[in-house]
Protein backbone atom coordinates (compact mmCIF):
# COMPACT_ATOMS: atom_id res chain seq x y z
CA MET A 1 123.75 52.20 151.07
CA LEU A 2 122.29 49.62 153.56
CA ASP A 3 118.86 49.94 155.07
CA LEU A 4 118.45 48.00 158.21
CA HIS A 5 114.64 48.65 158.77
CA THR A 6 112.07 47.94 156.32
CA HIS A 7 108.59 46.40 156.35
CA VAL A 8 109.12 44.65 152.97
CA LEU A 9 107.86 41.27 153.68
CA PRO A 10 104.25 40.67 152.17
CA GLY A 11 101.24 40.12 154.37
CA LEU A 12 102.92 40.05 157.92
CA ASP A 13 102.21 43.44 159.31
CA ASP A 14 101.23 47.04 158.21
CA GLY A 15 103.85 46.97 155.37
CA ALA A 16 103.91 45.39 151.96
CA ARG A 17 100.53 43.67 151.42
CA THR A 18 101.66 41.56 148.38
CA LEU A 19 104.77 40.20 146.84
CA GLU A 20 104.24 42.72 144.06
CA ASP A 21 104.31 45.53 146.72
CA SER A 22 107.60 43.91 147.82
CA LEU A 23 109.09 44.02 144.38
CA GLU A 24 108.04 47.67 143.80
CA MET A 25 109.89 48.43 147.12
CA ALA A 26 112.97 46.55 146.07
CA ARG A 27 113.23 48.46 142.73
CA ALA A 28 112.79 51.57 144.40
CA ALA A 29 115.57 50.66 146.81
CA LEU A 30 117.82 49.84 143.96
CA ALA A 31 117.02 53.09 142.11
CA GLY A 32 117.89 55.02 145.27
CA GLY A 33 121.31 53.38 145.57
CA ILE A 34 120.48 50.82 148.31
CA GLU A 35 122.10 47.46 147.92
CA LEU A 36 121.01 45.53 150.94
CA ILE A 37 118.02 45.79 153.15
CA SER A 38 116.88 44.00 156.40
CA ALA A 39 113.40 42.91 156.52
CA THR A 40 112.20 43.77 160.00
CA PRO A 41 108.59 42.99 160.36
CA HIS A 42 106.84 43.99 163.50
CA VAL A 43 106.76 41.61 166.38
CA ARG A 44 104.13 42.69 168.88
CA ASP A 45 100.71 41.77 170.00
CA ASP A 46 98.71 43.06 167.01
CA TYR A 47 101.39 41.47 164.60
CA PRO A 48 102.71 38.38 166.41
CA THR A 49 104.98 37.50 163.54
CA ARG A 50 106.89 34.18 164.21
CA ALA A 51 110.59 33.67 163.19
CA GLY A 52 109.70 30.97 160.77
CA GLU A 53 107.22 32.92 158.83
CA MET A 54 109.90 35.74 158.53
CA GLU A 55 112.47 33.37 157.42
CA ARG A 56 110.04 31.80 154.88
CA LEU A 57 109.00 34.92 153.20
CA VAL A 58 112.59 36.17 153.13
CA GLY A 59 113.40 33.09 151.06
CA GLU A 60 110.47 33.63 148.74
CA LEU A 61 111.43 37.27 148.10
CA ARG A 62 114.95 36.40 147.61
CA ALA A 63 114.01 33.84 144.97
CA ARG A 64 111.51 36.31 143.31
CA LEU A 65 114.12 38.94 143.19
CA ALA A 66 116.67 36.63 141.49
CA ALA A 67 114.04 35.64 139.01
CA GLU A 68 113.40 39.29 138.14
CA GLY A 69 117.15 40.11 137.78
CA LEU A 70 116.91 42.49 140.69
CA PRO A 71 120.35 42.54 142.70
CA LEU A 72 119.04 43.57 146.04
CA ASP A 73 120.38 41.61 148.95
CA VAL A 74 117.58 40.99 151.48
CA ARG A 75 118.43 39.77 155.07
CA GLY A 76 116.07 38.82 157.82
CA GLY A 77 115.35 40.61 161.18
CA GLY A 78 112.47 41.84 163.23
CA GLU A 79 111.26 44.96 165.01
CA ILE A 80 110.61 43.70 168.44
CA ALA A 81 108.10 45.43 170.79
CA LEU A 82 109.55 45.62 174.21
CA ASP A 83 106.85 43.81 175.96
CA ARG A 84 107.45 40.76 173.64
CA LEU A 85 110.94 40.28 174.76
CA ALA A 86 110.00 38.13 177.72
CA THR A 87 107.73 35.84 175.40
CA LEU A 88 110.44 35.06 173.00
CA GLU A 89 112.81 32.17 173.38
CA ALA A 90 116.51 32.77 173.06
CA GLU A 91 116.56 30.94 169.77
CA ASP A 92 113.88 33.17 168.30
CA LEU A 93 115.71 36.24 169.55
CA GLY A 94 118.72 35.07 167.55
CA ARG A 95 116.59 34.25 164.43
CA PHE A 96 115.20 37.86 164.49
CA GLY A 97 118.59 39.16 164.83
CA LEU A 98 119.03 42.51 162.80
CA ALA A 99 120.22 41.78 159.22
CA GLY A 100 120.72 38.02 160.17
CA ASN A 101 123.18 39.00 162.86
CA PRO A 102 121.97 37.39 166.20
CA SER A 103 124.19 39.91 168.07
CA TYR A 104 121.93 42.77 167.31
CA LEU A 105 118.30 43.22 167.85
CA LEU A 106 115.95 46.00 166.56
CA LEU A 107 113.65 47.24 169.23
CA GLU A 108 110.57 49.35 168.48
CA PHE A 109 110.74 52.49 170.52
CA PRO A 110 107.22 53.55 171.71
CA TYR A 111 105.80 56.68 170.23
CA TYR A 112 104.22 57.88 173.46
CA GLY A 113 105.62 57.78 176.90
CA TRP A 114 108.96 56.56 178.40
CA PRO A 115 108.84 52.90 179.34
CA LEU A 116 109.94 52.54 182.88
CA ASP A 117 111.49 49.15 182.14
CA LEU A 118 113.44 50.27 178.92
CA GLY A 119 116.76 50.48 180.70
CA ALA A 120 116.35 47.04 182.36
CA HIS A 121 115.50 45.43 178.99
CA VAL A 122 118.65 47.17 177.31
CA LEU A 123 120.94 46.09 180.16
CA ALA A 124 119.36 42.45 180.19
CA LEU A 125 120.26 42.12 176.32
CA LEU A 126 123.69 43.67 176.77
CA ALA A 127 124.38 41.08 179.35
CA ARG A 128 123.65 38.36 176.95
CA ARG A 129 126.00 39.99 174.29
CA ILE A 130 123.08 41.42 172.12
CA THR A 131 123.32 44.99 171.25
CA PRO A 132 119.95 46.66 171.18
CA VAL A 133 119.13 49.01 168.28
CA LEU A 134 116.57 51.54 169.25
CA ALA A 135 114.18 52.34 166.31
CA HIS A 136 112.95 55.93 165.63
CA PRO A 137 113.23 57.21 169.22
CA GLU A 138 113.16 60.93 167.50
CA ARG A 139 109.44 60.27 167.09
CA ASN A 140 108.76 60.01 170.79
CA GLY A 141 107.49 63.00 172.63
CA GLU A 142 109.47 62.53 175.73
CA VAL A 143 112.80 62.28 173.59
CA GLN A 144 111.61 65.33 171.74
CA ALA A 145 111.47 67.34 174.88
CA ASP A 146 114.67 65.77 176.44
CA PRO A 147 117.07 64.08 173.93
CA GLU A 148 119.36 63.63 176.71
CA ARG A 149 117.25 60.88 178.35
CA LEU A 150 118.69 58.51 175.53
CA ARG A 151 122.37 59.08 176.90
CA PRO A 152 122.55 56.59 179.55
CA LEU A 153 121.28 53.92 177.23
CA VAL A 154 123.67 54.88 174.56
CA ASP A 155 126.69 55.01 177.10
CA SER A 156 125.65 51.52 178.31
CA GLY A 157 126.02 50.32 174.69
CA ALA A 158 122.73 50.60 172.91
CA LEU A 159 122.55 52.10 169.40
CA VAL A 160 120.08 54.50 167.99
CA GLN A 161 118.42 54.34 164.50
CA LEU A 162 116.88 57.27 163.00
CA THR A 163 114.04 57.32 160.44
CA ALA A 164 115.00 58.86 157.11
CA ALA A 165 111.70 60.65 156.84
CA SER A 166 112.20 62.27 160.20
CA LEU A 167 115.58 63.76 159.37
CA ASP A 168 114.66 65.11 155.90
CA GLY A 169 111.44 66.65 157.32
CA ARG A 170 108.73 64.47 155.91
CA LEU A 171 107.38 63.55 159.17
CA GLY A 172 107.06 66.99 160.29
CA PRO A 173 109.25 69.60 162.23
CA ARG A 174 109.24 67.87 165.69
CA PRO A 175 110.75 64.67 164.58
CA ARG A 176 113.21 66.62 162.17
CA ALA A 177 114.32 68.88 165.00
CA ALA A 178 114.77 65.81 167.42
CA ALA A 179 116.66 63.74 164.74
CA ARG A 180 118.96 66.59 164.13
CA GLU A 181 119.42 67.04 167.92
CA LEU A 182 120.30 63.55 168.49
CA LEU A 183 122.87 63.75 165.50
CA GLU A 184 124.49 66.83 166.95
CA ARG A 185 124.66 65.28 170.61
CA ARG A 186 126.31 62.04 169.08
CA LEU A 187 123.38 60.04 170.11
CA ALA A 188 122.47 58.33 166.85
CA HIS A 189 124.31 55.76 164.85
CA LEU A 190 122.25 54.51 161.89
CA LEU A 191 119.80 55.97 159.31
CA ALA A 192 117.03 53.66 157.89
CA SER A 193 113.79 54.10 155.98
CA ASP A 194 111.37 52.17 158.02
CA ALA A 195 109.65 51.68 154.75
CA HIS A 196 106.19 50.26 154.75
CA THR A 197 104.45 50.88 151.47
CA PRO A 198 104.71 53.89 148.95
CA GLU A 199 101.52 55.21 150.38
CA ILE A 200 102.74 55.18 154.01
CA ARG A 201 106.48 55.69 153.85
CA ASP A 202 108.68 55.28 150.91
CA ILE A 203 111.92 53.32 150.76
CA GLY A 204 114.92 55.36 150.30
CA LEU A 205 117.80 57.08 152.21
CA ALA A 206 119.39 59.60 149.62
CA SER A 207 117.45 62.64 150.58
CA ALA A 208 117.86 62.02 154.44
CA ALA A 209 121.60 61.36 154.02
CA GLY A 210 121.92 64.80 152.29
CA ALA A 211 120.15 66.40 155.14
CA ALA A 212 122.88 65.01 157.54
CA GLY A 213 124.83 68.07 156.45
CA ASP A 214 128.21 66.02 156.09
CA ASP A 215 129.10 63.62 153.46
CA ALA A 216 131.43 61.67 155.89
CA LEU A 217 128.78 61.44 158.55
CA ALA A 218 126.07 60.43 156.04
CA ARG A 219 128.20 57.59 154.74
CA TRP A 220 128.78 56.48 158.39
CA LEU A 221 125.10 56.44 159.13
CA THR A 222 124.07 54.68 156.08
CA GLN A 223 127.11 52.47 155.14
CA ASP A 224 129.61 52.09 157.55
CA VAL A 225 127.75 51.18 160.50
CA PRO A 226 125.12 49.20 158.96
CA ALA A 227 127.93 47.28 156.98
CA ALA A 228 129.59 46.45 160.41
CA ILE A 229 126.40 45.08 161.91
CA VAL A 230 125.88 42.90 158.73
CA SER A 231 129.33 41.58 158.79
CA GLY A 232 129.79 41.35 162.44
CA GLU A 233 132.78 43.52 162.40
CA PRO A 234 133.52 46.13 165.13
CA LEU A 235 131.66 49.42 164.56
CA PRO A 236 133.62 52.04 162.91
CA PRO A 237 134.28 55.29 164.93
CA ARG A 238 132.21 58.26 164.06
CA PRO A 239 133.89 60.76 161.70
CA GLU A 240 134.77 64.10 163.07
CA ARG A 241 133.26 67.18 161.66
CA PRO A 242 135.69 69.30 159.80
CA ARG A 243 136.61 72.47 161.55
CA ARG A 244 135.41 75.59 159.85
CA ARG A 245 138.21 77.98 158.85
CA ARG A 246 138.32 81.28 160.57
CA LEU A 247 138.27 84.22 158.18
CA ARG A 248 141.46 86.45 158.72
CA ARG A 249 140.78 89.95 159.42
CA ARG A 250 142.83 92.27 157.14
């Protein structure tokens, strides 16, 4: 599996505090069947991460993983707050590209309210051939009340990333119900851990993949779509659910 939303870099935001925390998260990821992660530190007013800082720490973490014999592939990235988009140069947006791909950008969906300029931001990125990936919208009250509000954004080309702990119920019934509803309505494309630290949110996708209720769909969410983003290949079509057989009456 590939996990394209983690706060694994030490000391940048509210995720890993030390390099040892980062290594602990890496070991847990490998134990859970994850082979590649994207380090996506917050880029917002309270955590104004710079692209150079992210790249330096990705390099340091890769070196330490190699020294420890831990075969986890770590790529760069960033979780960009909407109000930071206008302050970042085009070069920095590319450097914060999801999993190192400048054609995808992970956007932090707010937990409260519906940003009036959200659609404008999505269209502006798409016009620049950058695909926005909306992180954890199932945790937003507006989306929980009306999942269809996301459809125009998805129809225009944005992708939706669900948090694993939402889908498997660890974040409570409302995020779980919204995550399942978005999957049912075909409004979700990726599953990621959004891991911070073991005390806040564990890294791992296995239990949430099982909660998807369909092996092919779980593979699409955790392997096929993330792998296409990493490689820059076209996104694979979503697998169709197998039709249930009708019982014949005798």
